[in-house]
Amino acid sequence: MLELYSMNYLIILSILLINFSASATVINFGYGVHNSSPYILTDKESNATGGLLYELAEFVGKEMGVGFKMINTPRTRLEDLVRSGTIDIYCNSNRNWIDGAEDFYWYSGIFVDENLLYTFSEDLRKIKDLQDIKVKVGTINGFSYHPRIEKLLKRVGRNELKSHEKLLRFLELDRGEIIYGSKKIIESQYIGKTRKIYPVTDFRDRLKYDCIISKKIKFNKDKLFKALEKYKLRK
């Protein structure tokens, strides 16, 4: 009886060790449809196929000698899934945007970008001061912005959409005249296009994207940080 118990115990222990070993050979990177090109490229099923976040995951996996997996996650659940360890790392965040930032490890400034106002209008592009804007501004639903932009939105109102792609579509269909968003994302959509998109005013909110990392990560944190640093310095 004792031998049977011991054998069962060893079998269970072996299964647990195999499962842990398997889980520790793949690092899980989060992304979502709220991320846009050039940060993420997806196929029709929203599977990640390329972009900066994909390239980062591929690079880090190679540096650490493990595989990588891109996990498509709604923006509203990202922090919870990183907190629980389901997702190991997400690199399109910022410490100032997160409640309970102390619940995570952070790697700062993996990407740098800036937010600004855009229009297709030849007249509106001539506006020099935020005070002279009189029309509603298209923004991403649930996002908080620079205090000067928040003040503008409170005064003129905002049209909220779910992503940069929807913001641009909103503008292209003439449902709005001005939008506010990422320079990298918006300008990358108009490279080589006939229709030109223009900045409105000289206001720029420079921002950095940080990596939010689970404290339940299955890998050596120092090794991960070294891989992130190596990626950052190669650019």
Protein backbone atom coordinates (compact mmCIF):
# COMPACT_ATOMS: atom_id res chain seq x y z
CA MET A 1 0.00 0.00 0.00
CA LEU A 2 2.84 2.34 0.92
CA GLU A 3 4.60 1.52 -2.34
CA LEU A 4 1.43 2.31 -4.33
CA TYR A 5 1.03 5.62 -2.49
CA SER A 6 4.66 6.50 -3.14
CA MET A 7 4.31 5.63 -6.82
CA ASN A 8 1.17 7.77 -7.19
CA TYR A 9 2.90 10.64 -5.42
CA LEU A 10 5.88 10.41 -7.77
CA ILE A 11 3.59 10.32 -10.82
CA ILE A 12 1.71 13.44 -9.67
CA LEU A 13 4.98 15.20 -8.84
CA SER A 14 6.36 14.32 -12.28
CA ILE A 15 3.26 15.71 -14.02
CA LEU A 16 3.50 18.95 -12.04
CA LEU A 17 7.19 19.31 -12.86
CA ILE A 18 6.56 18.63 -16.55
CA ASN A 19 3.74 21.21 -16.65
CA PHE A 20 5.87 23.79 -14.88
CA SER A 21 8.82 23.07 -17.15
CA ALA A 22 6.62 23.44 -20.23
CA SER A 23 5.11 26.71 -18.99
CA ALA A 24 8.58 28.06 -18.23
CA THR A 25 9.78 27.52 -21.81
CA VAL A 26 7.36 30.05 -23.31
CA ILE A 27 7.09 33.70 -22.30
CA ASN A 28 3.60 35.15 -22.76
CA PHE A 29 3.41 38.66 -24.23
CA GLY A 30 0.12 40.56 -24.12
CA TYR A 31 -1.34 42.64 -26.94
CA GLY A 32 -4.81 43.71 -28.04
CA VAL A 33 -6.86 45.18 -30.85
CA HIS A 34 -6.47 48.54 -29.09
CA ASN A 35 -2.81 48.38 -30.15
CA SER A 36 -2.29 49.52 -33.73
CA SER A 37 0.31 49.51 -36.49
CA PRO A 38 3.26 49.95 -36.17
CA TYR A 39 3.00 48.46 -32.66
CA ILE A 40 1.08 45.36 -33.75
CA LEU A 41 0.03 43.82 -37.05
CA THR A 42 -2.71 41.19 -37.10
CA ASP A 43 -4.49 38.88 -39.52
CA LYS A 44 -8.26 38.66 -40.03
CA GLU A 45 -8.60 36.57 -36.86
CA SER A 46 -6.69 39.22 -34.85
CA ASN A 47 -3.66 36.93 -34.46
CA ALA A 48 -0.40 38.87 -34.14
CA THR A 49 1.75 38.60 -37.26
CA GLY A 50 4.24 41.45 -36.87
CA GLY A 51 4.84 44.95 -35.55
CA LEU A 52 7.06 46.39 -32.82
CA LEU A 53 5.49 44.37 -29.99
CA TYR A 54 5.84 41.15 -31.99
CA GLU A 55 9.47 41.94 -32.88
CA LEU A 56 10.20 42.70 -29.22
CA ALA A 57 8.69 39.38 -28.09
CA GLU A 58 10.66 37.50 -30.72
CA PHE A 59 13.89 39.24 -29.72
CA VAL A 60 13.40 38.68 -25.98
CA GLY A 61 12.50 35.03 -26.49
CA LYS A 62 15.66 34.48 -28.52
CA GLU A 63 17.85 36.29 -25.97
CA MET A 64 16.42 34.24 -23.11
CA GLY A 65 16.49 30.96 -25.00
CA VAL A 66 12.74 30.38 -24.75
CA GLY A 67 9.75 30.49 -27.06
CA PHE A 68 7.24 33.34 -27.05
CA LYS A 69 3.48 33.51 -27.35
CA MET A 70 1.36 36.53 -28.24
CA ILE A 71 -1.88 36.58 -26.23
CA ASN A 72 -4.73 38.73 -27.55
CA THR A 73 -6.37 40.38 -24.57
CA PRO A 74 -9.02 43.09 -24.09
CA ARG A 75 -7.45 46.27 -22.75
CA THR A 76 -9.75 46.23 -19.71
CA ARG A 77 -8.38 42.83 -18.59
CA LEU A 78 -4.69 43.31 -19.29
CA GLU A 79 -3.58 44.38 -15.82
CA ASP A 80 -5.56 41.60 -14.13
CA LEU A 81 -4.04 38.95 -16.38
CA VAL A 82 -0.52 40.29 -15.81
CA ARG A 83 -1.20 40.44 -12.08
CA SER A 84 -2.32 36.79 -12.06
CA GLY A 85 0.66 35.64 -14.12
CA THR A 86 -1.45 34.48 -17.09
CA ILE A 87 0.41 37.10 -19.12
CA ASP A 88 4.08 37.58 -18.23
CA ILE A 89 4.66 40.96 -19.83
CA TYR A 90 2.92 43.76 -21.74
CA CYS A 91 4.99 46.54 -23.30
CA ASN A 92 2.54 49.27 -24.29
CA SER A 93 1.75 50.68 -20.86
CA ASN A 94 2.86 53.47 -18.54
CA ARG A 95 3.22 53.56 -14.77
CA ASN A 96 1.13 56.74 -14.58
CA TRP A 97 -1.85 55.03 -16.24
CA ILE A 98 -2.12 52.10 -13.87
CA ASP A 99 -3.86 51.83 -10.51
CA GLY A 100 -1.81 49.66 -8.17
CA ALA A 101 1.41 50.11 -10.15
CA GLU A 102 3.32 48.65 -7.20
CA ASP A 103 1.72 45.26 -7.94
CA PHE A 104 4.03 44.84 -10.94
CA TYR A 105 7.65 44.99 -12.04
CA TRP A 106 8.34 47.79 -14.52
CA TYR A 107 10.80 48.33 -17.35
CA SER A 108 10.76 51.95 -18.42
CA GLY A 109 10.80 53.55 -21.86
CA ILE A 110 10.89 50.58 -24.23
CA PHE A 111 9.19 52.77 -26.88
CA VAL A 112 8.90 56.56 -27.21
CA ASP A 113 6.04 58.35 -28.98
CA GLU A 114 4.02 61.55 -28.78
CA ASN A 115 0.34 62.44 -28.96
CA LEU A 116 -0.94 65.35 -31.00
CA LEU A 117 -4.00 66.68 -32.79
CA TYR A 118 -4.63 65.87 -36.47
CA THR A 119 -6.96 67.00 -39.24
CA PHE A 120 -7.51 66.72 -42.99
CA SER A 121 -8.79 70.30 -43.12
CA GLU A 122 -6.61 72.95 -44.74
CA ASP A 123 -8.33 75.58 -42.58
CA LEU A 124 -8.08 73.77 -39.24
CA ARG A 125 -4.40 72.96 -39.77
CA LYS A 126 -3.73 76.72 -39.56
CA ILE A 127 -4.88 76.87 -35.92
CA LYS A 128 -1.95 77.82 -33.69
CA ASP A 129 -3.47 77.70 -30.21
CA LEU A 130 -5.61 75.12 -28.42
CA GLN A 131 -7.92 77.95 -27.31
CA ASP A 132 -8.90 78.52 -30.95
CA ILE A 133 -10.27 75.00 -31.44
CA LYS A 134 -14.08 75.09 -31.48
CA VAL A 135 -15.00 71.59 -32.72
CA LYS A 136 -15.29 68.26 -30.92
CA VAL A 137 -12.15 66.13 -30.84
CA GLY A 138 -12.03 62.41 -31.58
CA THR A 139 -10.31 60.40 -28.84
CA ILE A 140 -9.97 56.78 -27.73
CA ASN A 141 -12.62 55.61 -25.32
CA GLY A 142 -11.43 55.40 -21.71
CA PHE A 143 -8.07 57.08 -22.28
CA SER A 144 -6.88 59.93 -20.07
CA TYR A 145 -4.72 62.60 -21.65
CA HIS A 146 -2.42 65.52 -20.87
CA PRO A 147 -4.12 68.13 -18.62
CA ARG A 148 -4.13 70.71 -21.41
CA ILE A 149 -5.92 68.28 -23.73
CA GLU A 150 -8.35 67.26 -20.99
CA LYS A 151 -9.16 70.95 -20.51
CA LEU A 152 -9.76 71.28 -24.27
CA LEU A 153 -12.00 68.20 -24.33
CA LYS A 154 -14.03 69.50 -21.42
CA ARG A 155 -14.61 72.74 -23.34
CA VAL A 156 -15.38 71.42 -26.85
CA GLY A 157 -16.47 67.82 -26.16
CA ARG A 158 -15.09 64.52 -27.39
CA ASN A 159 -16.13 61.79 -29.81
CA GLU A 160 -14.94 58.52 -28.27
CA LEU A 161 -13.91 55.55 -30.40
CA LYS A 162 -12.30 52.20 -29.60
CA SER A 163 -9.00 52.40 -31.50
CA HIS A 164 -6.76 54.52 -33.69
CA GLU A 165 -8.09 52.70 -36.76
CA LYS A 166 -11.62 53.73 -35.85
CA LEU A 167 -10.45 57.28 -35.14
CA LEU A 168 -8.94 57.54 -38.60
CA ARG A 169 -12.01 56.00 -40.23
CA PHE A 170 -14.14 58.51 -38.31
CA LEU A 171 -12.04 61.33 -39.75
CA GLU A 172 -11.95 59.89 -43.29
CA LEU A 173 -15.75 59.64 -43.37
CA ASP A 174 -16.00 63.31 -42.33
CA ARG A 175 -17.83 62.44 -39.12
CA GLY A 176 -15.40 64.63 -37.24
CA GLU A 177 -12.78 67.24 -38.07
CA ILE A 178 -10.02 66.73 -35.50
CA ILE A 179 -8.65 63.67 -33.71
CA TYR A 180 -6.02 63.23 -31.03
CA GLY A 181 -3.61 60.32 -30.97
CA SER A 182 -0.22 58.69 -31.46
CA LYS A 183 2.15 60.21 -34.00
CA LYS A 184 3.75 56.83 -34.78
CA ILE A 185 0.41 55.15 -35.36
CA ILE A 186 -1.37 57.91 -37.27
CA GLU A 187 1.47 59.01 -39.53
CA SER A 188 2.42 55.41 -40.37
CA GLN A 189 -1.08 54.97 -41.86
CA TYR A 190 -0.52 57.77 -44.38
CA ILE A 191 2.93 56.97 -45.73
CA GLY A 192 2.63 56.99 -49.52
CA LYS A 193 -1.03 57.99 -49.53
CA THR A 194 -2.39 60.81 -51.67
CA ARG A 195 -4.55 62.27 -48.93
CA LYS A 196 -2.48 64.18 -46.40
CA ILE A 197 -3.10 64.43 -42.67
CA TYR A 198 -1.88 67.50 -40.81
CA PRO A 199 -0.98 68.38 -37.20
CA VAL A 200 -3.16 70.99 -35.50
CA THR A 201 -1.28 73.50 -33.28
CA ASP A 202 2.28 72.89 -32.09
CA PHE A 203 1.12 71.02 -28.95
CA ARG A 204 2.98 67.75 -28.41
CA ASP A 205 2.67 65.39 -25.47
CA ARG A 206 5.80 63.26 -25.52
CA LEU A 207 5.29 59.92 -23.81
CA LYS A 208 7.09 56.68 -23.21
CA TYR A 209 5.71 53.18 -23.20
CA ASP A 210 6.81 50.93 -20.37
CA CYS A 211 6.74 47.16 -19.92
CA ILE A 212 4.45 45.97 -17.15
CA ILE A 213 5.73 42.62 -15.84
CA SER A 214 4.04 40.05 -13.63
CA LYS A 215 5.52 39.46 -10.19
CA LYS A 216 4.53 35.82 -10.78
CA ILE A 217 6.79 35.59 -13.82
CA LYS A 218 8.33 32.14 -14.30
CA PHE A 219 11.66 33.49 -15.54
CA ASN A 220 14.71 35.18 -14.08
CA LYS A 221 13.72 38.85 -13.84
CA ASP A 222 17.28 40.14 -14.23
CA LYS A 223 17.77 38.11 -17.40
CA LEU A 224 14.50 39.48 -18.78
CA PHE A 225 15.51 43.06 -17.99
CA LYS A 226 18.87 42.55 -19.70
CA ALA A 227 17.09 41.30 -22.82
CA LEU A 228 14.76 44.33 -22.79
CA GLU A 229 17.71 46.68 -22.33
CA LYS A 230 19.56 45.05 -25.24
CA TYR A 231 16.50 45.50 -27.47
CA LYS A 232 16.13 49.13 -26.43
CA LEU A 233 19.80 49.95 -27.09
CA ARG A 234 19.85 48.36 -30.53
CA LYS A 235 17.38 50.91 -31.91
